[in-house]
N, C-alpha and C. Protein backbone atom coordinates (compact mmCIF):
# COMPACT_ATOMS: atom_id res chain seq x y z
N UNK A 1 1.04 -0.84 0.10
CA UNK A 1 -0.22 0.08 0.28
C UNK A 1 0.84 1.58 -0.71
N UNK A 2 0.58 2.15 -0.68
CA UNK A 2 1.05 3.62 -1.09
C UNK A 2 0.49 4.49 -0.03
N UNK A 3 1.56 4.64 1.03
CA UNK A 3 1.49 6.27 2.22
C UNK A 3 2.25 6.91 2.36
N UNK A 4 2.02 7.98 2.63
CA UNK A 4 3.24 9.00 2.33
C UNK A 4 3.22 9.60 3.91
N UNK A 5 4.15 10.40 4.64
CA UNK A 5 4.22 10.87 5.92
C UNK A 5 3.27 12.09 5.91
N UNK A 6 2.31 13.01 6.41
CA UNK A 6 2.29 13.96 6.22
C UNK A 6 3.69 15.19 7.02
N UNK A 7 3.69 14.82 8.25
CA UNK A 7 4.33 15.53 8.90
C UNK A 7 5.58 15.55 8.32
N UNK A 8 6.40 14.43 7.59
CA UNK A 8 7.91 14.50 7.12
C UNK A 8 7.53 15.40 6.00
N UNK A 9 6.78 15.44 4.79
CA UNK A 9 6.45 16.18 4.02
C UNK A 9 6.39 17.97 4.53
N UNK A 10 5.68 18.22 5.45
CA UNK A 10 5.45 19.26 6.25
C UNK A 10 6.92 19.91 6.39
N UNK A 11 7.93 19.12 7.33
CA UNK A 11 8.70 19.47 8.05
C UNK A 11 9.70 19.01 7.07
N UNK A 12 10.18 19.15 5.72
CA UNK A 12 11.27 18.95 4.97
C UNK A 12 11.33 20.12 4.51
N UNK A 13 13.23 19.98 4.83
CA UNK A 13 13.59 21.26 3.97
C UNK A 13 13.59 21.62 2.84
N UNK A 14 13.37 20.29 2.05
CA UNK A 14 13.39 20.57 0.26
C UNK A 14 11.78 20.80 -0.09
N UNK A 15 12.01 21.76 -0.90
CA UNK A 15 10.66 22.00 -1.18
C UNK A 15 9.55 21.20 -2.04
N UNK A 16 10.07 20.23 -2.31
CA UNK A 16 9.19 19.33 -2.83
C UNK A 16 9.34 17.74 -2.47
N UNK A 17 8.55 17.21 -2.48
CA UNK A 17 8.58 15.55 -2.37
C UNK A 17 8.27 14.49 -3.25
N UNK A 18 9.16 14.16 -4.32
CA UNK A 18 9.26 13.56 -5.73
C UNK A 18 9.01 12.39 -5.60
N UNK A 19 7.39 11.84 -6.02
CA UNK A 19 7.57 9.98 -6.25
C UNK A 19 7.96 10.09 -7.81
N UNK A 20 7.98 8.66 -7.83
CA UNK A 20 8.12 8.02 -9.21
C UNK A 20 7.99 6.50 -8.83
N UNK A 21 7.01 5.78 -8.81
CA UNK A 21 6.70 4.61 -8.20
C UNK A 21 5.38 3.58 -8.90
N UNK A 22 5.82 2.52 -9.42
CA UNK A 22 5.00 1.24 -9.76
C UNK A 22 3.95 1.22 -8.52
N UNK A 23 2.60 0.70 -8.71
CA UNK A 23 1.83 0.71 -7.81
C UNK A 23 0.94 -0.84 -8.04
N UNK A 24 0.73 -1.88 -7.47
CA UNK A 24 0.01 -2.79 -7.22
C UNK A 24 -1.22 -2.40 -6.61
N UNK A 25 -2.41 -2.90 -7.14
CA UNK A 25 -3.54 -2.68 -6.99
C UNK A 25 -3.92 -3.71 -6.03
N UNK A 26 -5.22 -3.44 -5.00
CA UNK A 26 -5.40 -3.85 -4.15
C UNK A 26 -6.50 -5.17 -4.31
N UNK A 27 -6.67 -6.09 -4.26
CA UNK A 27 -7.38 -6.56 -4.20
C UNK A 27 -9.12 -6.71 -4.13
N UNK A 28 -9.25 -5.86 -2.69
CA UNK A 28 -10.29 -5.46 -2.53
C UNK A 28 -10.47 -4.08 -3.46
N UNK A 29 -9.70 -3.52 -4.16
CA UNK A 29 -10.36 -2.70 -5.06
C UNK A 29 -10.92 -3.11 -6.49
N UNK A 30 -10.27 -4.25 -6.73
CA UNK A 30 -10.81 -5.17 -8.16
C UNK A 30 -11.90 -5.80 -7.24
N UNK A 31 -12.60 -6.32 -6.11
CA UNK A 31 -13.44 -6.56 -6.10
C UNK A 31 -14.75 -5.36 -6.00
N UNK A 32 -14.47 -4.37 -5.36
CA UNK A 32 -15.19 -3.07 -5.39
C UNK A 32 -15.47 -2.68 -7.11
N UNK A 33 -14.33 -2.92 -7.63
CA UNK A 33 -14.88 -2.02 -9.16
C UNK A 33 -14.65 -3.34 -10.23
N UNK A 34 -15.16 -4.45 -9.71
CA UNK A 34 -15.96 -5.56 -10.46
C UNK A 34 -16.38 -5.39 -12.00
N UNK A 35 -17.28 -4.45 -11.68
CA UNK A 35 -18.43 -4.18 -12.99
C UNK A 35 -17.65 -3.36 -13.80
N UNK A 36 -16.92 -2.22 -13.22
CA UNK A 36 -16.36 -1.01 -14.10
C UNK A 36 -14.58 -1.63 -15.11
N UNK A 37 -14.14 -2.33 -14.24
CA UNK A 37 -13.06 -2.89 -14.48
C UNK A 37 -12.44 -4.46 -14.24
N UNK A 38 -11.99 -5.19 -15.47
CA UNK A 38 -11.74 -6.33 -15.08
C UNK A 38 -10.02 -6.64 -14.58
N UNK A 39 -9.40 -5.83 -15.31
CA UNK A 39 -7.90 -6.03 -14.69
C UNK A 39 -7.43 -4.36 -14.68
N UNK A 40 -6.18 -4.27 -14.01
CA UNK A 40 -5.69 -3.59 -13.96
C UNK A 40 -3.85 -3.38 -13.76
N UNK A 41 -3.19 -3.33 -14.81
CA UNK A 41 -1.37 -3.57 -14.61
C UNK A 41 -0.79 -2.16 -15.24
N UNK A 42 0.64 -2.39 -15.13
CA UNK A 42 1.39 -1.47 -15.52
C UNK A 42 1.26 -0.23 -14.98
N UNK A 43 0.65 0.08 -13.74
CA UNK A 43 0.52 1.48 -13.20
C UNK A 43 1.58 2.25 -12.59
N UNK A 44 1.61 3.23 -12.67
CA UNK A 44 2.93 4.08 -12.44
C UNK A 44 2.40 5.26 -11.97
N UNK A 45 2.84 5.86 -11.28
CA UNK A 45 2.54 7.20 -11.16
C UNK A 45 3.95 8.05 -10.56
N UNK A 46 3.90 9.35 -10.72
CA UNK A 46 4.47 10.51 -10.83
C UNK A 46 4.34 11.84 -9.83
N UNK A 47 5.24 12.55 -9.49
CA UNK A 47 4.34 13.52 -8.77
C UNK A 47 4.99 14.08 -7.64
N UNK A 48 4.70 15.53 -7.33
CA UNK A 48 5.72 16.17 -6.22
C UNK A 48 4.46 16.36 -5.44
N UNK A 49 4.88 16.21 -4.26
CA UNK A 49 4.17 16.92 -3.12
C UNK A 49 4.82 18.01 -2.18
N UNK A 50 4.29 18.95 -2.13
CA UNK A 50 4.69 20.10 -1.14
C UNK A 50 3.57 21.10 0.12
N UNK A 51 4.35 21.18 0.84
CA UNK A 51 3.12 21.94 2.14
C UNK A 51 2.85 23.38 1.59
N UNK A 52 1.75 23.30 1.80
CA UNK A 52 1.31 25.22 1.57
C UNK A 52 -0.04 25.59 2.32
N UNK A 53 0.70 25.51 3.58
CA UNK A 53 -0.05 25.83 5.04
C UNK A 53 -1.31 25.97 4.77
N UNK A 54 -2.55 25.08 5.18
CA UNK A 54 -2.71 24.11 6.10
C UNK A 54 -2.67 22.81 5.38
N UNK A 55 -2.29 22.95 3.91
CA UNK A 55 -2.59 21.69 3.18
C UNK A 55 -1.11 21.02 2.89
N UNK A 56 -0.83 19.86 2.29
CA UNK A 56 -0.10 19.10 1.60
C UNK A 56 -0.80 19.11 0.42
N UNK A 57 0.29 19.08 -0.42
CA UNK A 57 -0.65 19.35 -1.87
C UNK A 57 -0.19 18.25 -2.55
N UNK A 58 -1.00 17.64 -3.80
CA UNK A 58 0.08 16.68 -4.37
C UNK A 58 -0.35 16.24 -5.92
N UNK A 59 0.49 16.88 -6.82
CA UNK A 59 0.31 16.62 -8.25
C UNK A 59 0.95 15.34 -8.85
N UNK A 60 -0.26 14.70 -9.14
CA UNK A 60 0.45 13.47 -9.94
C UNK A 60 -0.01 13.16 -10.90
N UNK A 61 1.04 12.50 -11.62
CA UNK A 61 0.29 12.10 -13.56
C UNK A 61 0.77 10.48 -13.00
N UNK A 62 -0.78 9.35 -13.85
CA UNK A 62 -0.55 8.17 -13.63
C UNK A 62 -1.26 7.41 -14.36
N UNK A 63 -0.26 6.50 -15.26
CA UNK A 63 -0.26 5.51 -16.26
C UNK A 63 -0.78 4.33 -16.08
N UNK A 64 -1.74 3.73 -16.88
CA UNK A 64 -2.14 2.65 -16.46
C UNK A 64 -2.52 1.70 -17.37
N UNK A 65 -2.39 -0.02 -17.93
CA UNK A 65 -3.02 -0.38 -18.64
C UNK A 65 -4.36 -1.18 -18.06
N UNK A 66 -5.52 -1.01 -18.53
CA UNK A 66 -6.50 -1.72 -18.21
C UNK A 66 -7.28 -2.77 -18.72
N UNK A 67 -7.98 -3.05 -18.63
CA UNK A 67 -8.81 -4.25 -19.36
C UNK A 67 -10.40 -3.48 -18.59
N UNK A 68 -11.45 -3.05 -19.41
CA UNK A 68 -12.72 -2.73 -19.12
C UNK A 68 -13.74 -3.06 -19.98
N UNK A 69 -14.86 -2.91 -19.25
CA UNK A 69 -16.03 -3.76 -19.87
C UNK A 69 -16.57 -2.80 -21.25
N UNK A 70 -16.70 -3.41 -22.70
CA UNK A 70 -17.69 -2.61 -23.47
C UNK A 70 -18.29 -1.85 -23.07
N UNK A 71 -19.25 -0.86 -23.18
CA UNK A 71 -20.27 -0.06 -23.17
C UNK A 71 -21.28 -0.32 -23.52
N UNK A 72 -20.77 -1.21 -24.65
CA UNK A 72 -22.34 -2.09 -25.76
C UNK A 72 -22.56 -3.78 -25.31
N UNK A 73 -20.96 -4.00 -25.16
CA UNK A 73 -21.41 -5.74 -25.08
C UNK A 73 -21.02 -6.28 -24.04
N UNK A 74 -20.22 -5.51 -23.18
CA UNK A 74 -19.68 -5.74 -21.72
C UNK A 74 -18.40 -6.73 -21.99
N UNK A 75 -17.82 -6.71 -23.13
CA UNK A 75 -16.78 -7.79 -23.84
C UNK A 75 -15.76 -7.01 -23.30
N UNK A 76 -14.61 -7.62 -23.14
CA UNK A 76 -12.93 -6.65 -22.27
C UNK A 76 -12.51 -6.08 -23.40
N UNK A 77 -11.83 -4.78 -22.90
CA UNK A 77 -11.54 -4.05 -24.16
C UNK A 77 -10.28 -3.76 -23.38
N UNK A 78 -9.20 -3.94 -23.71
CA UNK A 78 -7.42 -3.12 -23.65
C UNK A 78 -7.77 -1.61 -23.77
N UNK A 79 -7.59 -0.75 -22.90
CA UNK A 79 -7.29 0.36 -22.74
C UNK A 79 -6.15 0.81 -21.93
N UNK A 80 -5.55 1.65 -22.41
CA UNK A 80 -3.74 2.45 -21.95
C UNK A 80 -4.96 3.78 -21.12
N UNK A 81 -4.40 3.85 -19.83
CA UNK A 81 -5.19 5.57 -19.80
C UNK A 81 -3.93 6.05 -19.02
N UNK A 82 -4.12 7.39 -19.41
CA UNK A 82 -3.17 8.45 -18.82
C UNK A 82 -3.89 9.69 -18.25
N UNK A 83 -3.37 9.97 -16.62
CA UNK A 83 -4.25 11.27 -16.47
C UNK A 83 -3.43 11.88 -15.51
N UNK A 84 -3.79 13.01 -15.26
CA UNK A 84 -3.38 13.74 -13.97
C UNK A 84 -4.23 14.11 -13.12
N UNK A 85 -3.31 14.32 -11.88
CA UNK A 85 -4.64 14.56 -10.48
C UNK A 85 -3.88 15.46 -9.70
N UNK A 86 -4.97 16.45 -9.17
CA UNK A 86 -3.86 17.18 -7.65
C UNK A 86 -5.21 17.31 -6.81
N UNK A 87 -4.68 16.49 -5.35
CA UNK A 87 -5.72 16.61 -4.23
C UNK A 87 -4.70 17.44 -2.90
N UNK A 88 -5.46 17.50 -2.00
CA UNK A 88 -4.90 18.82 -0.77
C UNK A 88 -4.95 17.72 0.38
N UNK A 89 -4.17 17.69 1.14
CA UNK A 89 -4.26 16.68 2.29
C UNK A 89 -4.26 17.81 3.58
N UNK A 90 -5.22 17.60 4.41
CA UNK A 90 -5.53 18.27 5.66
C UNK A 90 -5.10 17.20 6.90
N UNK A 91 -4.69 17.73 8.13
CA UNK A 91 -4.52 16.75 9.49
C UNK A 91 -6.49 17.36 9.75
N UNK A 92 -6.98 18.37 9.15
CA UNK A 92 -8.24 18.70 10.15
C UNK A 92 -9.30 18.44 8.97
N UNK A 93 -10.42 18.24 9.39
CA UNK A 93 -11.70 18.06 8.78
C UNK A 93 -12.13 19.60 7.93
N UNK A 94 -11.92 19.43 6.79
CA UNK A 94 -11.96 20.81 6.14
C UNK A 94 -13.41 21.48 6.23
N UNK A 95 -13.60 22.84 6.59
CA UNK A 95 -14.71 23.04 6.50
C UNK A 95 -15.76 23.82 5.31
N UNK A 96 -17.07 23.74 5.40
CA UNK A 96 -17.58 23.85 4.01
C UNK A 96 -16.94 24.98 3.17
N UNK A 97 -16.80 26.29 3.69
CA UNK A 97 -16.20 27.05 3.07
C UNK A 97 -14.44 26.96 2.29
N UNK A 98 -14.13 26.02 3.01
CA UNK A 98 -12.64 25.84 2.07
C UNK A 98 -12.89 25.11 1.25
N UNK A 99 -14.07 23.64 1.27
CA UNK A 99 -14.22 23.06 0.20
C UNK A 99 -14.96 23.95 -0.91
N UNK A 100 -15.59 24.82 -0.83
CA UNK A 100 -16.45 25.87 -1.76
C UNK A 100 -15.00 25.96 -2.91
N UNK A 101 -14.21 27.05 -1.72
CA UNK A 101 -13.25 27.48 -2.21
C UNK A 101 -12.34 27.18 -3.00
N UNK A 102 -12.25 25.58 -2.46
CA UNK A 102 -10.97 25.18 -3.38
C UNK A 102 -11.49 24.43 -4.37
N UNK A 103 -10.90 24.41 -5.92
CA UNK A 103 -11.31 23.69 -6.54
C UNK A 103 -10.86 22.34 -6.83
N UNK A 104 -9.74 21.92 -6.26
CA UNK A 104 -9.05 20.50 -5.94
C UNK A 104 -9.89 19.98 -4.54
N UNK A 105 -9.93 18.73 -4.59
CA UNK A 105 -10.50 17.90 -3.16
C UNK A 105 -9.27 18.39 -2.18
N UNK A 106 -9.92 18.17 -0.81
CA UNK A 106 -9.48 18.38 0.39
C UNK A 106 -9.52 17.04 1.21
N UNK A 107 -9.06 16.33 1.12
CA UNK A 107 -8.61 14.92 1.67
C UNK A 107 -8.17 14.94 3.53
N UNK A 108 -9.57 14.77 4.08
CA UNK A 108 -8.62 14.52 5.59
C UNK A 108 -7.67 13.58 6.01
N UNK A 109 -6.92 13.61 6.34
CA UNK A 109 -6.02 12.34 6.68
C UNK A 109 -6.12 11.74 7.94
N UNK A 110 -5.86 10.31 8.60
CA UNK A 110 -5.61 9.78 9.86
C UNK A 110 -4.59 9.39 10.11
N UNK A 111 -4.20 9.28 11.33
CA UNK A 111 -2.52 8.55 11.66
C UNK A 111 -1.76 9.46 11.09
N UNK A 112 -1.42 10.35 10.18
CA UNK A 112 -0.48 11.51 9.84
C UNK A 112 -0.37 10.73 8.51
N UNK A 113 -1.14 9.93 8.30
CA UNK A 113 -0.24 9.20 6.80
C UNK A 113 -1.64 9.49 5.66
N UNK A 114 -0.81 10.08 4.35
CA UNK A 114 -1.38 10.27 3.48
C UNK A 114 -1.33 9.09 2.19
N UNK A 115 -3.03 8.32 2.08
CA UNK A 115 -3.10 7.21 1.61
C UNK A 115 -3.58 7.75 0.11
N UNK A 116 -1.78 7.46 -0.78
CA UNK A 116 -1.98 7.86 -1.76
C UNK A 116 -2.84 6.80 -3.18
N UNK A 117 -2.32 5.23 -2.22
CA UNK A 117 -3.22 4.46 -2.94
C UNK A 117 -4.37 4.10 -3.57
N UNK A 118 -5.12 4.73 -2.56
CA UNK A 118 -6.83 4.91 -2.92
C UNK A 118 -6.74 6.12 -3.59
N UNK A 119 -6.33 6.79 -3.54
CA UNK A 119 -6.45 7.94 -4.56
C UNK A 119 -6.12 7.61 -5.81
N UNK A 120 -5.37 6.93 -5.88
CA UNK A 120 -4.79 6.37 -7.31
C UNK A 120 -5.82 5.40 -7.95
N UNK A 121 -6.36 4.59 -6.85
CA UNK A 121 -7.13 3.70 -7.36
C UNK A 121 -8.33 4.33 -7.75
N UNK A 122 -9.18 5.28 -7.01
CA UNK A 122 -10.24 6.03 -7.16
C UNK A 122 -10.10 6.51 -8.61
N UNK A 123 -8.87 7.33 -8.98
CA UNK A 123 -9.13 7.98 -9.87
C UNK A 123 -8.93 7.21 -11.07
N UNK A 124 -8.24 5.90 -11.45
CA UNK A 124 -8.42 5.37 -12.12
C UNK A 124 -9.60 4.69 -12.81
N UNK A 125 -10.66 4.70 -11.50
CA UNK A 125 -11.61 4.32 -11.83
C UNK A 125 -12.78 5.72 -12.32
N UNK A 126 -12.23 6.25 -12.12
CA UNK A 126 -13.09 8.45 -12.68
C UNK A 126 -13.00 8.49 -13.98
N UNK A 127 -11.51 7.96 -14.26
CA UNK A 127 -10.74 8.26 -15.42
C UNK A 127 -11.26 7.30 -16.91
N UNK A 128 -12.00 6.50 -16.69
CA UNK A 128 -12.44 5.25 -17.60
C UNK A 128 -13.38 5.98 -18.30
N UNK A 129 -13.28 6.38 -19.73
CA UNK A 129 -14.58 6.76 -20.52
C UNK A 129 -15.76 6.32 -20.11
N UNK A 130 -16.95 6.98 -19.97
CA UNK A 130 -18.23 6.19 -20.20
C UNK A 130 -18.67 5.53 -21.84
N UNK A 131 -17.88 5.80 -22.74
CA UNK A 131 -18.20 4.83 -23.59
C UNK A 131 -16.90 4.36 -24.42
N UNK A 132 -16.43 3.09 -24.47
CA UNK A 132 -15.70 2.59 -24.47
C UNK A 132 -16.05 1.18 -25.41
N UNK A 133 -15.56 1.24 -26.82
CA UNK A 133 -15.94 -0.32 -27.62
C UNK A 133 -14.85 -1.04 -28.29
N UNK A 134 -15.23 -2.43 -28.18
CA UNK A 134 -14.61 -3.31 -28.51
C UNK A 134 -13.63 -2.83 -30.21
N UNK A 135 -12.70 -2.86 -30.74
CA UNK A 135 -12.01 -3.05 -32.15
C UNK A 135 -13.42 -3.01 -33.30
N UNK A 136 -13.87 -4.17 -33.04
CA UNK A 136 -15.38 -4.68 -33.81
C UNK A 136 -16.44 -4.16 -33.84
N UNK A 137 -16.85 -3.49 -32.75
CA UNK A 137 -17.75 -2.74 -32.81
C UNK A 137 -17.74 -1.14 -33.31
N UNK A 138 -16.57 -0.52 -33.02
CA UNK A 138 -16.07 0.73 -33.34
C UNK A 138 -16.25 0.37 -34.77
N UNK A 139 -15.53 -0.68 -35.62
CA UNK A 139 -15.36 -0.82 -37.06
C UNK A 139 -16.74 -0.77 -37.84
N UNK A 140 -17.79 -2.10 -37.30
CA UNK A 140 -18.34 -2.64 -38.03
C UNK A 140 -20.27 -1.53 -37.13
N UNK A 141 -20.04 -1.13 -36.18
CA UNK A 141 -20.88 -0.35 -35.57
C UNK A 141 -22.13 -1.17 -35.25
N UNK A 142 -21.63 -2.15 -34.65
CA UNK A 142 -22.11 -3.29 -34.07
C UNK A 142 -22.92 -3.12 -32.66
N UNK A 143 -24.38 -3.44 -32.46
CA UNK A 143 -24.75 -2.90 -31.21
C UNK A 143 -25.82 -4.17 -30.55
N UNK A 144 -25.62 -4.19 -29.19
CA UNK A 144 -26.37 -5.79 -28.75
C UNK A 144 -27.84 -5.91 -29.59
N UNK A 145 -28.58 -6.77 -29.23
CA UNK A 145 -30.39 -7.34 -29.58
C UNK A 145 -30.36 -8.57 -29.39
N UNK A 146 -31.35 -8.49 -28.55
CA UNK A 146 -31.79 -9.81 -28.26
C UNK A 146 -33.37 -10.34 -28.64
N UNK A 147 -33.98 -11.21 -28.01
CA UNK A 147 -35.44 -11.59 -28.48
C UNK A 147 -36.54 -10.12 -28.27
N UNK A 148 -36.84 -9.58 -29.01
CA UNK A 148 -37.75 -8.60 -28.85
C UNK A 148 -37.41 -7.36 -28.92
N UNK A 149 -36.10 -7.66 -29.26
CA UNK A 149 -35.31 -5.95 -28.55
C UNK A 149 -34.15 -5.60 -29.52
N UNK A 150 -33.71 -4.46 -29.35
CA UNK A 150 -31.93 -4.35 -30.20
C UNK A 150 -32.13 -2.60 -29.53
N UNK A 151 -30.49 -2.23 -29.58
CA UNK A 151 -29.74 -0.88 -29.54
C UNK A 151 -29.40 -0.72 -30.75
N UNK A 152 -30.10 0.51 -31.30
CA UNK A 152 -30.10 1.09 -32.22
C UNK A 152 -29.38 2.54 -32.22
N UNK A 153 -28.52 2.89 -33.28
CA UNK A 153 -27.23 4.37 -33.01
C UNK A 153 -28.50 5.61 -32.75
N UNK A 154 -28.42 6.23 -32.36
CA UNK A 154 -28.69 7.56 -32.09
C UNK A 154 -29.25 8.60 -33.48
N UNK A 155 -28.23 8.10 -34.48
CA UNK A 155 -28.73 8.23 -36.07
C UNK A 155 -30.03 7.69 -36.66
N UNK A 156 -29.93 6.46 -36.59
CA UNK A 156 -31.09 5.70 -36.67
C UNK A 156 -32.20 5.90 -35.85
N UNK A 157 -32.10 6.16 -35.21
CA UNK A 157 -33.33 6.58 -34.08
C UNK A 157 -33.83 7.78 -34.69
N UNK A 158 -33.07 8.98 -34.96
CA UNK A 158 -33.17 10.39 -35.46
C UNK A 158 -34.04 9.71 -36.87
N UNK A 159 -33.61 8.84 -37.51
CA UNK A 159 -34.13 8.75 -39.28
C UNK A 159 -35.26 8.50 -39.21
N UNK A 160 -35.82 7.28 -37.93
CA UNK A 160 -36.74 6.44 -37.44
C UNK A 160 -37.91 7.72 -37.11
N UNK A 161 -37.54 8.54 -36.26
CA UNK A 161 -38.05 9.65 -35.61
C UNK A 161 -38.63 10.52 -36.86
N UNK A 162 -37.90 10.60 -37.83
CA UNK A 162 -38.33 11.40 -38.88
C UNK A 162 -39.53 11.11 -40.03
N UNK A 163 -39.19 9.89 -39.98
CA UNK A 163 -40.06 8.97 -41.01
C UNK A 163 -41.34 8.61 -40.18
N UNK A 164 -41.55 8.94 -38.91
CA UNK A 164 -42.67 8.17 -38.03
C UNK A 164 -43.58 8.68 -37.95
N UNK A 165 -45.02 8.65 -37.99
CA UNK A 165 -46.51 9.81 -38.15
C UNK A 165 -46.88 9.80 -36.73
N UNK A 166 -47.35 11.36 -36.28
CA UNK A 166 -47.30 11.02 -35.33
C UNK A 166 -48.83 11.17 -34.88
N UNK A 167 -49.21 9.74 -34.02
CA UNK A 167 -50.81 9.20 -34.18
C UNK A 167 -51.79 10.24 -34.04
N UNK A 168 -51.83 11.51 -33.04
CA UNK A 168 -52.64 12.38 -33.08
C UNK A 168 -52.91 13.03 -34.52
N UNK A 169 -51.83 13.48 -35.28
CA UNK A 169 -52.12 14.44 -36.37
C UNK A 169 -52.46 12.69 -37.55
N UNK A 170 -52.38 11.67 -37.32
CA UNK A 170 -52.85 10.29 -38.08
C UNK A 170 -54.51 10.14 -37.90
N UNK A 171 -54.78 10.57 -36.86
CA UNK A 171 -56.37 10.32 -36.52
C UNK A 171 -57.06 11.90 -36.86
N UNK A 172 -56.28 12.75 -37.02
CA UNK A 172 -56.77 14.05 -37.46
C UNK A 172 -56.94 13.88 -38.89
N UNK A 173 -55.92 13.32 -39.79
CA UNK A 173 -56.12 12.70 -40.90
C UNK A 173 -57.32 12.21 -41.60
N UNK A 174 -57.56 11.09 -40.71
CA UNK A 174 -58.71 10.09 -40.96
C UNK A 174 -60.03 10.86 -41.19
N UNK A 175 -59.93 11.89 -39.75
CA UNK A 175 -61.13 12.44 -39.78
C UNK A 175 -61.28 13.64 -40.59
N UNK A 176 -60.02 14.58 -41.23
CA UNK A 176 -60.61 15.34 -42.18
C UNK A 176 -60.79 14.37 -43.52
N UNK A 177 -60.20 13.24 -43.88
CA UNK A 177 -60.74 12.75 -44.94
C UNK A 177 -62.33 12.18 -45.31
N UNK A 178 -62.66 11.83 -43.75
CA UNK A 178 -63.89 11.30 -43.33
C UNK A 178 -64.78 12.79 -43.94
N UNK A 179 -64.45 14.05 -43.66
CA UNK A 179 -65.02 15.24 -43.72
C UNK A 179 -65.27 15.52 -45.06
N UNK A 180 -64.04 15.06 -45.99
CA UNK A 180 -64.03 15.10 -47.33
C UNK A 180 -65.04 14.60 -47.91
N UNK A 181 -64.67 13.16 -47.47
CA UNK A 181 -65.92 12.24 -48.49
C UNK A 181 -67.42 12.64 -47.98
N UNK A 182 -67.67 13.09 -46.78
CA UNK A 182 -68.96 13.84 -46.62
C UNK A 182 -69.67 14.56 -47.06
N UNK A 183 -68.53 15.75 -47.47
CA UNK A 183 -68.99 16.90 -47.87
C UNK A 183 -69.18 16.56 -49.48
N UNK A 184 -68.22 15.70 -49.84
CA UNK A 184 -68.39 14.96 -51.39
C UNK A 184 -69.71 14.67 -51.74
N UNK A 185 -70.48 14.17 -50.86
CA UNK A 185 -72.17 13.34 -51.17
C UNK A 185 -72.93 14.34 -51.78
């Protein structure tokens, strides 16, 4: 588990504390994220932490190789992820005002330990795109289907909507046709 000592960073004579490490995900993380993530490997984090009263602030870059479910078929898809994130760590519970004023999350630490492991794991999940497709699904524009149902593209839906007759207007048209027939008699 990747943890850092808040006091050591706060009291360091160096302006920055640099990290450059490989990260192994915990089994409980994989269990917690089983519907969002099948595998996570080659996770590497680099970053710098510094003390800026009253916080230790960390700026991190993470790269990871993932296997995630396709958003259409749930088939496994290999995905290389690269992202950056910033967090502030505090020994005190942040006030509502501090949370509103600060654009970066403020995380209250316990026992003088910054839990960077959880931050990395959570951000791996947060940075998975909402739409991710297998190469075949991208190339052939394949959608799932079953007995009596099918998923269609937005384009196909819009085209069908254009050609669809509004039921209210269809009834009016029948009434209008009947009136015209009655007038012709």
